[in-house]
Amino acid sequence: MRLYKKEGNSIQILSSPSDDVEKGDYLLVEDARVNKKLITQVIDVQFASVPGLLEELLRDSTTEEQIYGENFDLLGISSHINHIQDARMLICKIRGTILNDKLRVNSSWLPSRSKSGITKIPINSLLAHVGGNEDLPINIGKTKDNSPLNITAHDLDGRLNIITGKKGTGKSHLSKLLVLGLMDYKATVVVLDLNGEYTGLGLSAKG
């Protein structure tokens, strides 16, 4: 992966077809010269715009319809052409900077195009840079790489916590997980249940 362009809070990264990167993944852009790392999140995956590519695709489609026979590619040129045709552009949003192993919100610096390395970073490794208290963990699910995702009950204590999201994204499910997690630590929980969604929450099949 290579850094291509930065516009405002967005970064474009040129990616090979063999790179295992999907929408939602986090990428770490590391510039070893200044000991800084840029945290980015992939928000869209597009085909890379290569000059002359449209003409080449049209030529290939016309050739496939009119010419029959076997192709002999002794030099393996077709594999390189296919690689270029399938190259992807990763549209990413900058989420923060890691400076001296500490997470910073500031992202005003510009990493080197030629010297920066780009790697995929697991969510748990990203959360490790956030720090915080690891006592009283509450499991709220799993990450994309099937690792457990936990928060701490300390983050819910004495604070106003609002769960937002589109319809059907699991807001009610998350709130129930938080309630169950607090109940496991003997916390007092008051639920204003207008629709009866929390009836029997925390009870097993045996009551």
C-alpha atoms as a PDB file:
ATOM      1  CA  MET A   1       0.000   0.000   0.000  1.00  0.00           C
ATOM      2  CA  ARG A   2       1.219   3.480  -0.862  1.00  0.00           C
ATOM      3  CA  LEU A   3       0.099   6.911   0.272  1.00  0.00           C
ATOM      4  CA  TYR A   4      -1.354   8.784  -2.701  1.00  0.00           C
ATOM      5  CA  LYS A   5      -3.163  11.960  -1.656  1.00  0.00           C
ATOM      6  CA  LYS A   6      -4.296  13.947   1.389  1.00  0.00           C
ATOM      7  CA  GLU A   7      -7.195  16.387   1.214  1.00  0.00           C
ATOM      8  CA  GLY A   8      -8.320  17.979   4.464  1.00  0.00           C
ATOM      9  CA  ASN A   9      -9.194  15.186   6.893  1.00  0.00           C
ATOM     10  CA  SER A  10      -9.198  12.517   4.181  1.00  0.00           C
ATOM     11  CA  ILE A  11      -6.409  10.353   2.807  1.00  0.00           C
ATOM     12  CA  GLN A  12      -6.307   8.258  -0.353  1.00  0.00           C
ATOM     13  CA  ILE A  13      -4.192   5.101  -0.302  1.00  0.00           C
ATOM     14  CA  LEU A  14      -3.274   3.053  -3.376  1.00  0.00           C
ATOM     15  CA  SER A  15      -3.848  -0.623  -2.638  1.00  0.00           C
ATOM     16  CA  SER A  16      -2.927  -3.864  -4.365  1.00  0.00           C
ATOM     17  CA  PRO A  17      -5.698  -6.396  -5.168  1.00  0.00           C
ATOM     18  CA  SER A  18      -3.967  -8.869  -2.837  1.00  0.00           C
ATOM     19  CA  ASP A  19      -4.209  -6.539   0.183  1.00  0.00           C
ATOM     20  CA  ASP A  20      -6.811  -7.814   2.646  1.00  0.00           C
ATOM     21  CA  VAL A  21      -8.464  -4.472   3.404  1.00  0.00           C
ATOM     22  CA  GLU A  22     -12.187  -3.772   3.638  1.00  0.00           C
ATOM     23  CA  LYS A  23     -14.445  -0.853   4.436  1.00  0.00           C
ATOM     24  CA  GLY A  24     -14.313  -0.145   8.170  1.00  0.00           C
ATOM     25  CA  ASP A  25     -10.740  -1.381   8.698  1.00  0.00           C
ATOM     26  CA  TYR A  26      -8.143   0.801  10.420  1.00  0.00           C
ATOM     27  CA  LEU A  27      -4.800   1.522   8.760  1.00  0.00           C
ATOM     28  CA  LEU A  28      -1.648   2.863  10.381  1.00  0.00           C
ATOM     29  CA  VAL A  29       0.477   5.245   8.297  1.00  0.00           C
ATOM     30  CA  GLU A  30       3.912   5.281   9.957  1.00  0.00           C
ATOM     31  CA  ASP A  31       6.606   7.813   9.165  1.00  0.00           C
ATOM     32  CA  ALA A  32       9.727   6.459  10.871  1.00  0.00           C
ATOM     33  CA  ARG A  33      11.708   9.669  10.260  1.00  0.00           C
ATOM     34  CA  VAL A  34       9.586  11.687  12.691  1.00  0.00           C
ATOM     35  CA  ASN A  35       8.391   8.782  14.890  1.00  0.00           C
ATOM     36  CA  LYS A  36       4.732   9.559  14.173  1.00  0.00           C
ATOM     37  CA  LYS A  37       1.862   7.326  13.146  1.00  0.00           C
ATOM     38  CA  LEU A  38      -1.368   8.421  11.519  1.00  0.00           C
ATOM     39  CA  ILE A  39      -4.521   6.433  12.338  1.00  0.00           C
ATOM     40  CA  THR A  40      -6.957   6.236   9.429  1.00  0.00           C
ATOM     41  CA  GLN A  41     -10.211   4.359   8.857  1.00  0.00           C
ATOM     42  CA  VAL A  42     -11.317   3.052   5.463  1.00  0.00           C
ATOM     43  CA  ILE A  43     -14.717   4.538   4.575  1.00  0.00           C
ATOM     44  CA  ASP A  44     -14.854   3.475   0.917  1.00  0.00           C
ATOM     45  CA  VAL A  45     -13.032   1.199  -1.535  1.00  0.00           C
ATOM     46  CA  GLN A  46     -12.891   2.224  -5.210  1.00  0.00           C
ATOM     47  CA  PHE A  47     -11.051   1.172  -8.340  1.00  0.00           C
ATOM     48  CA  ALA A  48      -7.930   3.238  -8.945  1.00  0.00           C
ATOM     49  CA  SER A  49      -8.265   5.689 -11.831  1.00  0.00           C
ATOM     50  CA  VAL A  50      -5.470   4.753 -14.248  1.00  0.00           C
ATOM     51  CA  PRO A  51      -4.930   6.800 -17.464  1.00  0.00           C
ATOM     52  CA  GLY A  52      -5.994   4.818 -20.528  1.00  0.00           C
ATOM     53  CA  LEU A  53      -7.703   2.107 -18.469  1.00  0.00           C
ATOM     54  CA  LEU A  54     -11.175   2.659 -19.934  1.00  0.00           C
ATOM     55  CA  GLU A  55      -9.813   2.379 -23.477  1.00  0.00           C
ATOM     56  CA  GLU A  56      -7.961  -0.817 -22.542  1.00  0.00           C
ATOM     57  CA  LEU A  57     -11.089  -2.399 -21.032  1.00  0.00           C
ATOM     58  CA  LEU A  58     -13.139  -1.531 -24.117  1.00  0.00           C
ATOM     59  CA  ARG A  59     -10.440  -2.983 -26.366  1.00  0.00           C
ATOM     60  CA  ASP A  60     -10.341  -6.206 -24.334  1.00  0.00           C
ATOM     61  CA  SER A  61     -14.122  -6.621 -24.428  1.00  0.00           C
ATOM     62  CA  THR A  62     -14.176  -6.127 -28.206  1.00  0.00           C
ATOM     63  CA  THR A  63     -11.314  -8.578 -28.717  1.00  0.00           C
ATOM     64  CA  GLU A  64     -12.962 -11.270 -26.599  1.00  0.00           C
ATOM     65  CA  GLU A  65     -16.103 -11.117 -28.750  1.00  0.00           C
ATOM     66  CA  GLN A  66     -14.387 -11.274 -32.170  1.00  0.00           C
ATOM     67  CA  ILE A  67     -11.178 -13.296 -31.768  1.00  0.00           C
ATOM     68  CA  TYR A  68     -11.043 -16.977 -30.851  1.00  0.00           C
ATOM     69  CA  GLY A  69      -7.968 -18.990 -30.008  1.00  0.00           C
ATOM     70  CA  GLU A  70      -5.319 -19.426 -27.332  1.00  0.00           C
ATOM     71  CA  ASN A  71      -3.222 -16.686 -25.774  1.00  0.00           C
ATOM     72  CA  PHE A  72       0.502 -17.256 -25.292  1.00  0.00           C
ATOM     73  CA  ASP A  73       1.993 -14.929 -22.696  1.00  0.00           C
ATOM     74  CA  LEU A  74       5.552 -16.157 -22.249  1.00  0.00           C
ATOM     75  CA  LEU A  75       6.686 -13.013 -20.421  1.00  0.00           C
ATOM     76  CA  GLY A  76       3.716 -12.924 -18.045  1.00  0.00           C
ATOM     77  CA  ILE A  77       2.679  -9.432 -19.135  1.00  0.00           C
ATOM     78  CA  SER A  78      -1.042 -10.112 -18.779  1.00  0.00           C
ATOM     79  CA  SER A  79      -0.687 -10.703 -15.029  1.00  0.00           C
ATOM     80  CA  HIS A  80       0.816  -7.227 -14.607  1.00  0.00           C
ATOM     81  CA  ILE A  81      -1.945  -5.684 -16.719  1.00  0.00           C
ATOM     82  CA  ASN A  82      -4.604  -7.448 -14.653  1.00  0.00           C
ATOM     83  CA  HIS A  83      -2.896  -6.235 -11.484  1.00  0.00           C
ATOM     84  CA  ILE A  84      -3.096  -2.624 -12.685  1.00  0.00           C
ATOM     85  CA  GLN A  85      -6.709  -3.000 -13.794  1.00  0.00           C
ATOM     86  CA  ASP A  86      -7.729  -4.366 -10.372  1.00  0.00           C
ATOM     87  CA  ALA A  87      -5.755  -1.809  -8.327  1.00  0.00           C
ATOM     88  CA  ARG A  88      -7.877  -0.148  -5.656  1.00  0.00           C
ATOM     89  CA  MET A  89      -8.047   3.277  -4.076  1.00  0.00           C
ATOM     90  CA  LEU A  90      -8.834   3.303  -0.354  1.00  0.00           C
ATOM     91  CA  ILE A  91     -10.687   6.427   0.785  1.00  0.00           C
ATOM     92  CA  CYS A  92      -9.821   6.945   4.451  1.00  0.00           C
ATOM     93  CA  LYS A  93     -10.670   9.363   7.243  1.00  0.00           C
ATOM     94  CA  ILE A  94      -7.989  10.489   9.675  1.00  0.00           C
ATOM     95  CA  ARG A  95      -8.916   9.492  13.234  1.00  0.00           C
ATOM     96  CA  GLY A  96      -5.832  10.597  15.150  1.00  0.00           C
ATOM     97  CA  THR A  97      -2.062  10.470  15.583  1.00  0.00           C
ATOM     98  CA  ILE A  98       0.170   8.254  17.710  1.00  0.00           C
ATOM     99  CA  LEU A  99       3.166  10.176  19.042  1.00  0.00           C
ATOM    100  CA  ASN A 100       5.591   8.396  21.390  1.00  0.00           C
ATOM    101  CA  ASP A 101       3.018   5.590  21.857  1.00  0.00           C
ATOM    102  CA  LYS A 102       0.365   8.075  22.987  1.00  0.00           C
ATOM    103  CA  LEU A 103      -2.837   8.815  21.100  1.00  0.00           C
ATOM    104  CA  ARG A 104      -3.314  12.423  20.018  1.00  0.00           C
ATOM    105  CA  VAL A 105      -6.283  14.072  18.334  1.00  0.00           C
ATOM    106  CA  ASN A 106      -4.015  16.404  16.347  1.00  0.00           C
ATOM    107  CA  SER A 107      -3.534  15.332  12.722  1.00  0.00           C
ATOM    108  CA  SER A 108      -2.049  18.465  11.180  1.00  0.00           C
ATOM    109  CA  TRP A 109       1.233  16.859  10.095  1.00  0.00           C
ATOM    110  CA  LEU A 110       1.786  15.317   6.654  1.00  0.00           C
ATOM    111  CA  PRO A 111       3.502  11.905   6.447  1.00  0.00           C
ATOM    112  CA  SER A 112       6.082  11.179   3.768  1.00  0.00           C
ATOM    113  CA  ARG A 113       4.810   9.670   0.540  1.00  0.00           C
ATOM    114  CA  SER A 114       7.990   7.749  -0.239  1.00  0.00           C
ATOM    115  CA  LYS A 115       9.146   6.780   3.265  1.00  0.00           C
ATOM    116  CA  SER A 116       5.880   5.970   5.066  1.00  0.00           C
ATOM    117  CA  GLY A 117       4.812   2.389   5.687  1.00  0.00           C
ATOM    118  CA  ILE A 118       1.134   1.439   5.811  1.00  0.00           C
ATOM    119  CA  THR A 119      -0.164  -1.518   7.804  1.00  0.00           C
ATOM    120  CA  LYS A 120      -3.528  -2.801   8.950  1.00  0.00           C
ATOM    121  CA  ILE A 121      -4.044  -2.387  12.691  1.00  0.00           C
ATOM    122  CA  PRO A 122      -6.378  -4.613  14.769  1.00  0.00           C
ATOM    123  CA  ILE A 123      -9.029  -2.810  16.802  1.00  0.00           C
ATOM    124  CA  ASN A 124      -7.714  -4.238  20.081  1.00  0.00           C
ATOM    125  CA  SER A 125      -4.253  -2.830  19.335  1.00  0.00           C
ATOM    126  CA  LEU A 126      -5.888   0.505  18.625  1.00  0.00           C
ATOM    127  CA  LEU A 127      -7.793   0.406  21.921  1.00  0.00           C
ATOM    128  CA  ALA A 128      -4.536  -0.364  23.754  1.00  0.00           C
ATOM    129  CA  HIS A 129      -3.255   3.088  22.752  1.00  0.00           C
ATOM    130  CA  VAL A 130      -6.371   4.680  24.216  1.00  0.00           C
ATOM    131  CA  GLY A 131      -5.430   3.358  27.645  1.00  0.00           C
ATOM    132  CA  GLY A 132      -7.791   3.654  30.564  1.00  0.00           C
ATOM    133  CA  ASN A 133      -8.802   1.387  33.423  1.00  0.00           C
ATOM    134  CA  GLU A 134      -9.126  -2.305  32.563  1.00  0.00           C
ATOM    135  CA  ASP A 135     -10.972  -3.217  35.780  1.00  0.00           C
ATOM    136  CA  LEU A 136     -14.644  -4.279  35.710  1.00  0.00           C
ATOM    137  CA  PRO A 137     -14.768  -5.184  31.997  1.00  0.00           C
ATOM    138  CA  ILE A 138     -18.111  -5.405  30.193  1.00  0.00           C
ATOM    139  CA  ASN A 139     -18.130  -7.435  26.991  1.00  0.00           C
ATOM    140  CA  ILE A 140     -20.181  -5.768  24.257  1.00  0.00           C
ATOM    141  CA  GLY A 141     -19.373  -8.088  21.359  1.00  0.00           C
ATOM    142  CA  LYS A 142     -16.558  -9.057  19.018  1.00  0.00           C
ATOM    143  CA  THR A 143     -14.407  -7.188  16.530  1.00  0.00           C
ATOM    144  CA  LYS A 144     -14.085  -8.011  12.814  1.00  0.00           C
ATOM    145  CA  ASP A 145     -11.148 -10.308  13.583  1.00  0.00           C
ATOM    146  CA  ASN A 146     -13.304 -12.220  16.126  1.00  0.00           C
ATOM    147  CA  SER A 147     -11.542 -10.793  19.197  1.00  0.00           C
ATOM    148  CA  PRO A 148     -13.629  -9.873  22.269  1.00  0.00           C
ATOM    149  CA  LEU A 149     -14.463  -6.176  22.575  1.00  0.00           C
ATOM    150  CA  ASN A 150     -14.709  -4.877  26.135  1.00  0.00           C
ATOM    151  CA  ILE A 151     -15.305  -1.566  27.834  1.00  0.00           C
ATOM    152  CA  THR A 152     -14.925  -0.821  31.524  1.00  0.00           C
ATOM    153  CA  ALA A 153     -17.807  -0.115  33.890  1.00  0.00           C
ATOM    154  CA  HIS A 154     -15.794   2.849  35.192  1.00  0.00           C
ATOM    155  CA  ASP A 155     -16.558   4.686  31.930  1.00  0.00           C
ATOM    156  CA  LEU A 156     -20.289   4.484  32.721  1.00  0.00           C
ATOM    157  CA  ASP A 157     -20.061   5.633  36.333  1.00  0.00           C
ATOM    158  CA  GLY A 158     -21.234   9.184  37.005  1.00  0.00           C
ATOM    159  CA  ARG A 159     -21.548  10.121  33.333  1.00  0.00           C
ATOM    160  CA  LEU A 160     -24.274  10.762  30.792  1.00  0.00           C
ATOM    161  CA  ASN A 161     -23.980   8.081  28.118  1.00  0.00           C
ATOM    162  CA  ILE A 162     -26.038   8.377  24.932  1.00  0.00           C
ATOM    163  CA  ILE A 163     -26.308   5.548  22.382  1.00  0.00           C
ATOM    164  CA  THR A 164     -26.989   6.817  18.859  1.00  0.00           C
ATOM    165  CA  GLY A 165     -27.266   5.104  15.495  1.00  0.00           C
ATOM    166  CA  LYS A 166     -29.522   4.253  12.597  1.00  0.00           C
ATOM    167  CA  LYS A 167     -32.558   2.013  12.961  1.00  0.00           C
ATOM    168  CA  GLY A 168     -31.639  -1.649  13.148  1.00  0.00           C
ATOM    169  CA  THR A 169     -27.977  -1.134  14.083  1.00  0.00           C
ATOM    170  CA  GLY A 170     -28.323  -2.665  17.568  1.00  0.00           C
ATOM    171  CA  LYS A 171     -28.844   0.294  19.911  1.00  0.00           C
ATOM    172  CA  SER A 172     -31.303  -1.610  22.132  1.00  0.00           C
ATOM    173  CA  HIS A 173     -29.085  -4.690  22.130  1.00  0.00           C
ATOM    174  CA  LEU A 174     -26.087  -2.637  23.253  1.00  0.00           C
ATOM    175  CA  SER A 175     -28.059  -0.968  26.049  1.00  0.00           C
ATOM    176  CA  LYS A 176     -29.175  -4.396  27.317  1.00  0.00           C
ATOM    177  CA  LEU A 177     -25.579  -5.631  27.314  1.00  0.00           C
ATOM    178  CA  LEU A 178     -24.572  -2.594  29.372  1.00  0.00           C
ATOM    179  CA  VAL A 179     -27.423  -3.153  31.839  1.00  0.00           C
ATOM    180  CA  LEU A 180     -26.506  -6.832  32.224  1.00  0.00           C
ATOM    181  CA  GLY A 181     -22.845  -5.942  32.669  1.00  0.00           C
ATOM    182  CA  LEU A 182     -23.653  -3.468  35.433  1.00  0.00           C
ATOM    183  CA  MET A 183     -25.955  -5.991  37.112  1.00  0.00           C
ATOM    184  CA  ASP A 184     -23.119  -8.536  37.145  1.00  0.00           C
ATOM    185  CA  TYR A 185     -21.161  -6.088  39.324  1.00  0.00           C
ATOM    186  CA  LYS A 186     -24.159  -5.611  41.675  1.00  0.00           C
ATOM    187  CA  ALA A 187     -24.804  -2.079  40.450  1.00  0.00           C
ATOM    188  CA  THR A 188     -28.228  -0.499  40.944  1.00  0.00           C
ATOM    189  CA  VAL A 189     -29.873  -0.017  37.550  1.00  0.00           C
ATOM    190  CA  VAL A 190     -33.158   1.822  36.952  1.00  0.00           C
ATOM    191  CA  VAL A 191     -34.746   1.277  33.522  1.00  0.00           C
ATOM    192  CA  LEU A 192     -37.703   3.309  32.248  1.00  0.00           C
ATOM    193  CA  ASP A 193     -39.122   0.551  30.046  1.00  0.00           C
ATOM    194  CA  LEU A 194     -42.030   1.935  28.011  1.00  0.00           C
ATOM    195  CA  ASN A 195     -42.253  -0.937  25.511  1.00  0.00           C
ATOM    196  CA  GLY A 196     -41.577  -3.897  27.791  1.00  0.00           C
ATOM    197  CA  GLU A 197     -38.246  -4.678  26.130  1.00  0.00           C
ATOM    198  CA  TYR A 198     -36.416  -5.270  29.399  1.00  0.00           C
ATOM    199  CA  THR A 199     -38.970  -7.604  31.014  1.00  0.00           C
ATOM    200  CA  GLY A 200     -37.163 -10.648  32.348  1.00  0.00           C
ATOM    201  CA  LEU A 201     -33.745  -9.282  31.435  1.00  0.00           C
ATOM    202  CA  GLY A 202     -31.056 -11.174  33.302  1.00  0.00           C
ATOM    203  CA  LEU A 203     -33.252 -14.194  34.071  1.00  0.00           C
ATOM    204  CA  SER A 204     -32.287 -17.647  32.819  1.00  0.00           C
ATOM    205  CA  ALA A 205     -34.661 -20.267  31.431  1.00  0.00           C
ATOM    206  CA  LYS A 206     -35.025 -21.601  34.984  1.00  0.00           C
ATOM    207  CA  GLY A 207     -35.930 -18.164  36.325  1.00  0.00           C
END
